[in-house]
Amino acid sequence: MGLLLYQFFSLILIIVLFTVPIVVAILLIKHLGKSKPSIEADAETYLIEKIIDLERRIQELENQLSISLEEE
């Protein structure tokens, strides 16, 4: 009887030890998968703002160049 009980608890322990890392990995993948799009959206917004700022600065430089060429 004792041997049967020992085998049963060993089987339960093995099942738990194999199941826990799989569950943790699945939860981590789901968590990391959800947070990534918001980071990409923030990065995309930041890049768009920088592009608009650079376009504005280029326009200002072109205006300054055209004014200096007109004065010559």
PDB file of N, CA and C in Angstrom:
ATOM      1  N   MET A   1       0.824  -1.202   0.000  1.00  0.00           N
ATOM      2  CA  MET A   1       0.000   0.000   0.000  1.00  0.00           C
ATOM      3  C   MET A   1       0.868   1.265   0.000  1.00  0.00           C
ATOM      4  N   GLY A   2       1.936   1.234   0.795  1.00  0.00           N
ATOM      5  CA  GLY A   2       2.819   2.390   0.884  1.00  0.00           C
ATOM      6  C   GLY A   2       3.523   2.663  -0.431  1.00  0.00           C
ATOM      7  N   LEU A   3       3.887   1.598  -1.135  1.00  0.00           N
ATOM      8  CA  LEU A   3       4.574   1.758  -2.419  1.00  0.00           C
ATOM      9  C   LEU A   3       3.642   2.376  -3.455  1.00  0.00           C
ATOM     10  N   LEU A   4       2.390   1.962  -3.449  1.00  0.00           N
ATOM     11  CA  LEU A   4       1.398   2.512  -4.389  1.00  0.00           C
ATOM     12  C   LEU A   4       1.166   4.004  -4.115  1.00  0.00           C
ATOM     13  N   LEU A   5       1.081   4.380  -2.833  1.00  0.00           N
ATOM     14  CA  LEU A   5       0.895   5.783  -2.460  1.00  0.00           C
ATOM     15  C   LEU A   5       2.119   6.609  -2.876  1.00  0.00           C
ATOM     16  N   TYR A   6       3.319   6.079  -2.665  1.00  0.00           N
ATOM     17  CA  TYR A   6       4.562   6.756  -3.057  1.00  0.00           C
ATOM     18  C   TYR A   6       4.604   6.971  -4.574  1.00  0.00           C
ATOM     19  N   GLN A   7       4.227   5.956  -5.353  1.00  0.00           N
ATOM     20  CA  GLN A   7       4.211   6.094  -6.814  1.00  0.00           C
ATOM     21  C   GLN A   7       3.185   7.123  -7.262  1.00  0.00           C
ATOM     22  N   PHE A   8       2.035   7.155  -6.604  1.00  0.00           N
ATOM     23  CA  PHE A   8       0.990   8.118  -6.954  1.00  0.00           C
ATOM     24  C   PHE A   8       1.478   9.551  -6.719  1.00  0.00           C
ATOM     25  N   PHE A   9       2.067   9.810  -5.555  1.00  0.00           N
ATOM     26  CA  PHE A   9       2.560  11.155  -5.267  1.00  0.00           C
ATOM     27  C   PHE A   9       3.744  11.524  -6.157  1.00  0.00           C
ATOM     28  N   SER A  10       4.560  10.573  -6.510  1.00  0.00           N
ATOM     29  CA  SER A  10       5.652  10.839  -7.437  1.00  0.00           C
ATOM     30  C   SER A  10       5.112  11.228  -8.811  1.00  0.00           C
ATOM     31  N   LEU A  11       4.074  10.547  -9.248  1.00  0.00           N
ATOM     32  CA  LEU A  11       3.451  10.881 -10.530  1.00  0.00           C
ATOM     33  C   LEU A  11       2.858  12.285 -10.499  1.00  0.00           C
ATOM     34  N   ILE A  12       2.173  12.622  -9.424  1.00  0.00           N
ATOM     35  CA  ILE A  12       1.606  13.971  -9.272  1.00  0.00           C
ATOM     36  C   ILE A  12       2.734  15.012  -9.295  1.00  0.00           C
ATOM     37  N   LEU A  13       3.816  14.753  -8.582  1.00  0.00           N
ATOM     38  CA  LEU A  13       4.940  15.682  -8.538  1.00  0.00           C
ATOM     39  C   LEU A  13       5.560  15.875  -9.912  1.00  0.00           C
ATOM     40  N   ILE A  14       5.738  14.830 -10.645  1.00  0.00           N
ATOM     41  CA  ILE A  14       6.307  14.925 -11.991  1.00  0.00           C
ATOM     42  C   ILE A  14       5.388  15.721 -12.910  1.00  0.00           C
ATOM     43  N   ILE A  15       4.093  15.474 -12.834  1.00  0.00           N
ATOM     44  CA  ILE A  15       3.138  16.226 -13.668  1.00  0.00           C
ATOM     45  C   ILE A  15       3.202  17.714 -13.338  1.00  0.00           C
ATOM     46  N   VAL A  16       3.245  18.044 -12.057  1.00  0.00           N
ATOM     47  CA  VAL A  16       3.311  19.458 -11.653  1.00  0.00           C
ATOM     48  C   VAL A  16       4.625  20.089 -12.119  1.00  0.00           C
ATOM     49  N   LEU A  17       5.732  19.378 -11.957  1.00  0.00           N
ATOM     50  CA  LEU A  17       7.027  19.936 -12.340  1.00  0.00           C
ATOM     51  C   LEU A  17       7.151  20.146 -13.845  1.00  0.00           C
ATOM     52  N   PHE A  18       6.477  19.353 -14.645  1.00  0.00           N
ATOM     53  CA  PHE A  18       6.498  19.553 -16.091  1.00  0.00           C
ATOM     54  C   PHE A  18       5.478  20.594 -16.543  1.00  0.00           C
ATOM     55  N   THR A  19       4.420  20.771 -15.795  1.00  0.00           N
ATOM     56  CA  THR A  19       3.346  21.676 -16.195  1.00  0.00           C
ATOM     57  C   THR A  19       3.649  23.135 -15.840  1.00  0.00           C
ATOM     58  N   VAL A  20       4.235  23.371 -14.686  1.00  0.00           N
ATOM     59  CA  VAL A  20       4.466  24.738 -14.217  1.00  0.00           C
ATOM     60  C   VAL A  20       5.336  25.549 -15.181  1.00  0.00           C
ATOM     61  N   PRO A  21       6.471  25.065 -15.669  1.00  0.00           N
ATOM     62  CA  PRO A  21       7.265  25.882 -16.605  1.00  0.00           C
ATOM     63  C   PRO A  21       6.521  26.190 -17.905  1.00  0.00           C
ATOM     64  N   ILE A  22       5.710  25.253 -18.360  1.00  0.00           N
ATOM     65  CA  ILE A  22       4.935  25.493 -19.581  1.00  0.00           C
ATOM     66  C   ILE A  22       3.920  26.598 -19.351  1.00  0.00           C
ATOM     67  N   VAL A  23       3.227  26.556 -18.227  1.00  0.00           N
ATOM     68  CA  VAL A  23       2.229  27.589 -17.910  1.00  0.00           C
ATOM     69  C   VAL A  23       2.902  28.948 -17.750  1.00  0.00           C
ATOM     70  N   VAL A  24       4.042  28.982 -17.073  1.00  0.00           N
ATOM     71  CA  VAL A  24       4.767  30.248 -16.894  1.00  0.00           C
ATOM     72  C   VAL A  24       5.218  30.802 -18.239  1.00  0.00           C
ATOM     73  N   ALA A  25       5.727  29.950 -19.107  1.00  0.00           N
ATOM     74  CA  ALA A  25       6.169  30.398 -20.433  1.00  0.00           C
ATOM     75  C   ALA A  25       5.000  30.952 -21.238  1.00  0.00           C
ATOM     76  N   ILE A  26       3.869  30.296 -21.204  1.00  0.00           N
ATOM     77  CA  ILE A  26       2.686  30.777 -21.939  1.00  0.00           C
ATOM     78  C   ILE A  26       2.242  32.131 -21.406  1.00  0.00           C
ATOM     79  N   LEU A  27       2.212  32.280 -20.090  1.00  0.00           N
ATOM     80  CA  LEU A  27       1.804  33.562 -19.506  1.00  0.00           C
ATOM     81  C   LEU A  27       2.791  34.676 -19.864  1.00  0.00           C
ATOM     82  N   LEU A  28       4.084  34.379 -19.852  1.00  0.00           N
ATOM     83  CA  LEU A  28       5.079  35.390 -20.231  1.00  0.00           C
ATOM     84  C   LEU A  28       4.943  35.791 -21.694  1.00  0.00           C
ATOM     85  N   ILE A  29       4.722  34.820 -22.550  1.00  0.00           N
ATOM     86  CA  ILE A  29       4.572  35.126 -23.974  1.00  0.00           C
ATOM     87  C   ILE A  29       3.342  35.990 -24.210  1.00  0.00           C
ATOM     88  N   LYS A  30       2.249  35.677 -23.528  1.00  0.00           N
ATOM     89  CA  LYS A  30       1.036  36.494 -23.677  1.00  0.00           C
ATOM     90  C   LYS A  30       1.258  37.905 -23.152  1.00  0.00           C
ATOM     91  N   HIS A  31       1.937  38.019 -22.021  1.00  0.00           N
ATOM     92  CA  HIS A  31       2.177  39.344 -21.443  1.00  0.00           C
ATOM     93  C   HIS A  31       3.095  40.181 -22.332  1.00  0.00           C
ATOM     94  N   LEU A  32       4.166  39.599 -22.800  1.00  0.00           N
ATOM     95  CA  LEU A  32       5.099  40.340 -23.649  1.00  0.00           C
ATOM     96  C   LEU A  32       4.489  40.643 -25.010  1.00  0.00           C
ATOM     97  N   GLY A  33       3.636  39.791 -25.496  1.00  0.00           N
ATOM     98  CA  GLY A  33       2.989  40.018 -26.786  1.00  0.00           C
ATOM     99  C   GLY A  33       2.016  41.175 -26.742  1.00  0.00           C
ATOM    100  N   LYS A  34       1.373  41.398 -25.601  1.00  0.00           N
ATOM    101  CA  LYS A  34       0.403  42.484 -25.484  1.00  0.00           C
ATOM    102  C   LYS A  34       1.076  43.839 -25.338  1.00  0.00           C
ATOM    103  N   SER A  35       2.185  43.915 -24.627  1.00  0.00           N
ATOM    104  CA  SER A  35       2.811  45.213 -24.378  1.00  0.00           C
ATOM    105  C   SER A  35       3.615  45.718 -25.570  1.00  0.00           C
ATOM    106  N   LYS A  36       4.020  44.874 -26.440  1.00  0.00           N
ATOM    107  CA  LYS A  36       4.869  45.290 -27.547  1.00  0.00           C
ATOM    108  C   LYS A  36       4.186  46.236 -28.541  1.00  0.00           C
ATOM    109  N   PRO A  37       2.928  45.998 -28.964  1.00  0.00           N
ATOM    110  CA  PRO A  37       2.319  46.935 -29.920  1.00  0.00           C
ATOM    111  C   PRO A  37       2.223  48.361 -29.398  1.00  0.00           C
ATOM    112  N   SER A  38       1.985  48.545 -28.101  1.00  0.00           N
ATOM    113  CA  SER A  38       1.905  49.909 -27.583  1.00  0.00           C
ATOM    114  C   SER A  38       3.258  50.600 -27.669  1.00  0.00           C
ATOM    115  N   ILE A  39       4.330  49.855 -27.460  1.00  0.00           N
ATOM    116  CA  ILE A  39       5.670  50.432 -27.592  1.00  0.00           C
ATOM    117  C   ILE A  39       5.928  50.808 -29.045  1.00  0.00           C
ATOM    118  N   GLU A  40       5.530  49.946 -29.962  1.00  0.00           N
ATOM    119  CA  GLU A  40       5.723  50.245 -31.381  1.00  0.00           C
ATOM    120  C   GLU A  40       4.890  51.449 -31.798  1.00  0.00           C
ATOM    121  N   ALA A  41       3.694  51.575 -31.265  1.00  0.00           N
ATOM    122  CA  ALA A  41       2.847  52.721 -31.599  1.00  0.00           C
ATOM    123  C   ALA A  41       3.481  54.008 -31.084  1.00  0.00           C
ATOM    124  N   ASP A  42       4.033  53.981 -29.877  1.00  0.00           N
ATOM    125  CA  ASP A  42       4.696  55.155 -29.328  1.00  0.00           C
ATOM    126  C   ASP A  42       5.928  55.512 -30.157  1.00  0.00           C
ATOM    127  N   ALA A  43       6.679  54.508 -30.562  1.00  0.00           N
ATOM    128  CA  ALA A  43       7.865  54.755 -31.375  1.00  0.00           C
ATOM    129  C   ALA A  43       7.474  55.323 -32.733  1.00  0.00           C
ATOM    130  N   GLU A  44       6.395  54.808 -33.295  1.00  0.00           N
ATOM    131  CA  GLU A  44       5.935  55.307 -34.597  1.00  0.00           C
ATOM    132  C   GLU A  44       5.491  56.761 -34.475  1.00  0.00           C
ATOM    133  N   THR A  45       4.775  57.094 -33.428  1.00  0.00           N
ATOM    134  CA  THR A  45       4.342  58.477 -33.212  1.00  0.00           C
ATOM    135  C   THR A  45       5.550  59.386 -33.038  1.00  0.00           C
ATOM    136  N   TYR A  46       6.526  58.932 -32.279  1.00  0.00           N
ATOM    137  CA  TYR A  46       7.744  59.725 -32.068  1.00  0.00           C
ATOM    138  C   TYR A  46       8.467  59.975 -33.388  1.00  0.00           C
ATOM    139  N   LEU A  47       8.592  58.932 -34.205  1.00  0.00           N
ATOM    140  CA  LEU A  47       9.280  59.084 -35.490  1.00  0.00           C
ATOM    141  C   LEU A  47       8.530  60.028 -36.422  1.00  0.00           C
ATOM    142  N   ILE A  48       7.216  59.947 -36.433  1.00  0.00           N
ATOM    143  CA  ILE A  48       6.423  60.850 -37.277  1.00  0.00           C
ATOM    144  C   ILE A  48       6.632  62.298 -36.837  1.00  0.00           C
ATOM    145  N   GLU A  49       6.636  62.530 -35.520  1.00  0.00           N
ATOM    146  CA  GLU A  49       6.865  63.892 -35.022  1.00  0.00           C
ATOM    147  C   GLU A  49       8.255  64.398 -35.426  1.00  0.00           C
ATOM    148  N   LYS A  50       9.241  63.532 -35.345  1.00  0.00           N
ATOM    149  CA  LYS A  50      10.589  63.932 -35.732  1.00  0.00           C
ATOM    150  C   LYS A  50      10.680  64.237 -37.225  1.00  0.00           C
ATOM    151  N   ILE A  51      10.013  63.449 -38.048  1.00  0.00           N
ATOM    152  CA  ILE A  51      10.013  63.689 -39.498  1.00  0.00           C
ATOM    153  C   ILE A  51       9.366  65.031 -39.807  1.00  0.00           C
ATOM    154  N   ILE A  52       8.256  65.326 -39.157  1.00  0.00           N
ATOM    155  CA  ILE A  52       7.579  66.609 -39.372  1.00  0.00           C
ATOM    156  C   ILE A  52       8.487  67.760 -38.950  1.00  0.00           C
ATOM    157  N   ASP A  53       9.174  67.595 -37.811  1.00  0.00           N
ATOM    158  CA  ASP A  53      10.097  68.635 -37.351  1.00  0.00           C
ATOM    159  C   ASP A  53      11.243  68.836 -38.344  1.00  0.00           C
ATOM    160  N   LEU A  54      11.785  67.757 -38.867  1.00  0.00           N
ATOM    161  CA  LEU A  54      12.870  67.873 -39.854  1.00  0.00           C
ATOM    162  C   LEU A  54      12.386  68.528 -41.142  1.00  0.00           C
ATOM    163  N   GLU A  55      11.189  68.199 -41.578  1.00  0.00           N
ATOM    164  CA  GLU A  55      10.643  68.846 -42.779  1.00  0.00           C
ATOM    165  C   GLU A  55      10.499  70.352 -42.571  1.00  0.00           C
ATOM    166  N   ARG A  56      10.045  70.742 -41.370  1.00  0.00           N
ATOM    167  CA  ARG A  56       9.906  72.163 -41.054  1.00  0.00           C
ATOM    168  C   ARG A  56      11.267  72.855 -41.074  1.00  0.00           C
ATOM    169  N   ARG A  57      12.276  72.223 -40.504  1.00  0.00           N
ATOM    170  CA  ARG A  57      13.616  72.807 -40.478  1.00  0.00           C
ATOM    171  C   ARG A  57      14.211  72.909 -41.876  1.00  0.00           C
ATOM    172  N   ILE A  58      13.970  71.906 -42.707  1.00  0.00           N
ATOM    173  CA  ILE A  58      14.453  71.962 -44.094  1.00  0.00           C
ATOM    174  C   ILE A  58      13.790  73.111 -44.831  1.00  0.00           C
ATOM    175  N   GLN A  59      12.500  73.294 -44.611  1.00  0.00           N
ATOM    176  CA  GLN A  59      11.773  74.389 -45.257  1.00  0.00           C
ATOM    177  C   GLN A  59      12.355  75.735 -44.828  1.00  0.00           C
ATOM    178  N   GLU A  60      12.658  75.886 -43.544  1.00  0.00           N
ATOM    179  CA  GLU A  60      13.255  77.131 -43.060  1.00  0.00           C
ATOM    180  C   GLU A  60      14.619  77.375 -43.709  1.00  0.00           C
ATOM    181  N   LEU A  61      15.426  76.337 -43.806  1.00  0.00           N
ATOM    182  CA  LEU A  61      16.747  76.489 -44.440  1.00  0.00           C
ATOM    183  C   LEU A  61      16.617  76.841 -45.916  1.00  0.00           C
ATOM    184  N   GLU A  62      15.668  76.238 -46.600  1.00  0.00           N
ATOM    185  CA  GLU A  62      15.453  76.579 -48.006  1.00  0.00           C
ATOM    186  C   GLU A  62      15.013  78.028 -48.155  1.00  0.00           C
ATOM    187  N   ASN A  63      14.160  78.495 -47.237  1.00  0.00           N
ATOM    188  CA  ASN A  63      13.725  79.894 -47.271  1.00  0.00           C
ATOM    189  C   ASN A  63      14.902  80.835 -47.027  1.00  0.00           C
ATOM    190  N   GLN A  64      15.755  80.489 -46.066  1.00  0.00           N
ATOM    191  CA  GLN A  64      16.924  81.325 -45.791  1.00  0.00           C
ATOM    192  C   GLN A  64      17.873  81.341 -46.982  1.00  0.00           C
ATOM    193  N   LEU A  65      18.045  80.199 -47.641  1.00  0.00           N
ATOM    194  CA  LEU A  65      18.903  80.125 -48.804  1.00  0.00           C
ATOM    195  C   LEU A  65      18.349  80.967 -49.950  1.00  0.00           C
ATOM    196  N   SER A  66      17.046  80.884 -50.171  1.00  0.00           N
ATOM    197  CA  SER A  66      16.450  81.658 -51.266  1.00  0.00           C
ATOM    198  C   SER A  66      16.541  83.166 -50.967  1.00  0.00           C
ATOM    199  N   ILE A  67      16.410  83.552 -49.715  1.00  0.00           N
ATOM    200  CA  ILE A  67      16.523  84.977 -49.353  1.00  0.00           C
ATOM    201  C   ILE A  67      17.965  85.444 -49.572  1.00  0.00           C
ATOM    202  N   SER A  68      18.936  84.630 -49.167  1.00  0.00           N
ATOM    203  CA  SER A  68      20.331  85.041 -49.335  1.00  0.00           C
ATOM    204  C   SER A  68      20.729  85.070 -50.811  1.00  0.00           C
ATOM    205  N   LEU A  69      20.150  84.217 -51.646  1.00  0.00           N
ATOM    206  CA  LEU A  69      20.442  84.248 -53.076  1.00  0.00           C
ATOM    207  C   LEU A  69      19.809  85.463 -53.748  1.00  0.00           C
ATOM    208  N   GLU A  70      18.664  85.881 -53.263  1.00  0.00           N
ATOM    209  CA  GLU A  70      17.993  87.065 -53.817  1.00  0.00           C
ATOM    210  C   GLU A  70      18.776  88.330 -53.487  1.00  0.00           C
ATOM    211  N   GLU A  71      19.416  88.364 -52.330  1.00  0.00           N
ATOM    212  CA  GLU A  71      20.162  89.557 -51.925  1.00  0.00           C
ATOM    213  C   GLU A  71      21.435  89.718 -52.742  1.00  0.00           C
ATOM    214  N   GLU A  72      21.974  88.638 -53.263  1.00  0.00           N
ATOM    215  CA  GLU A  72      23.225  88.724 -54.033  1.00  0.00           C
ATOM    216  C   GLU A  72      22.991  89.240 -55.375  1.00  0.00           C
TER     217      GLU A  72
END
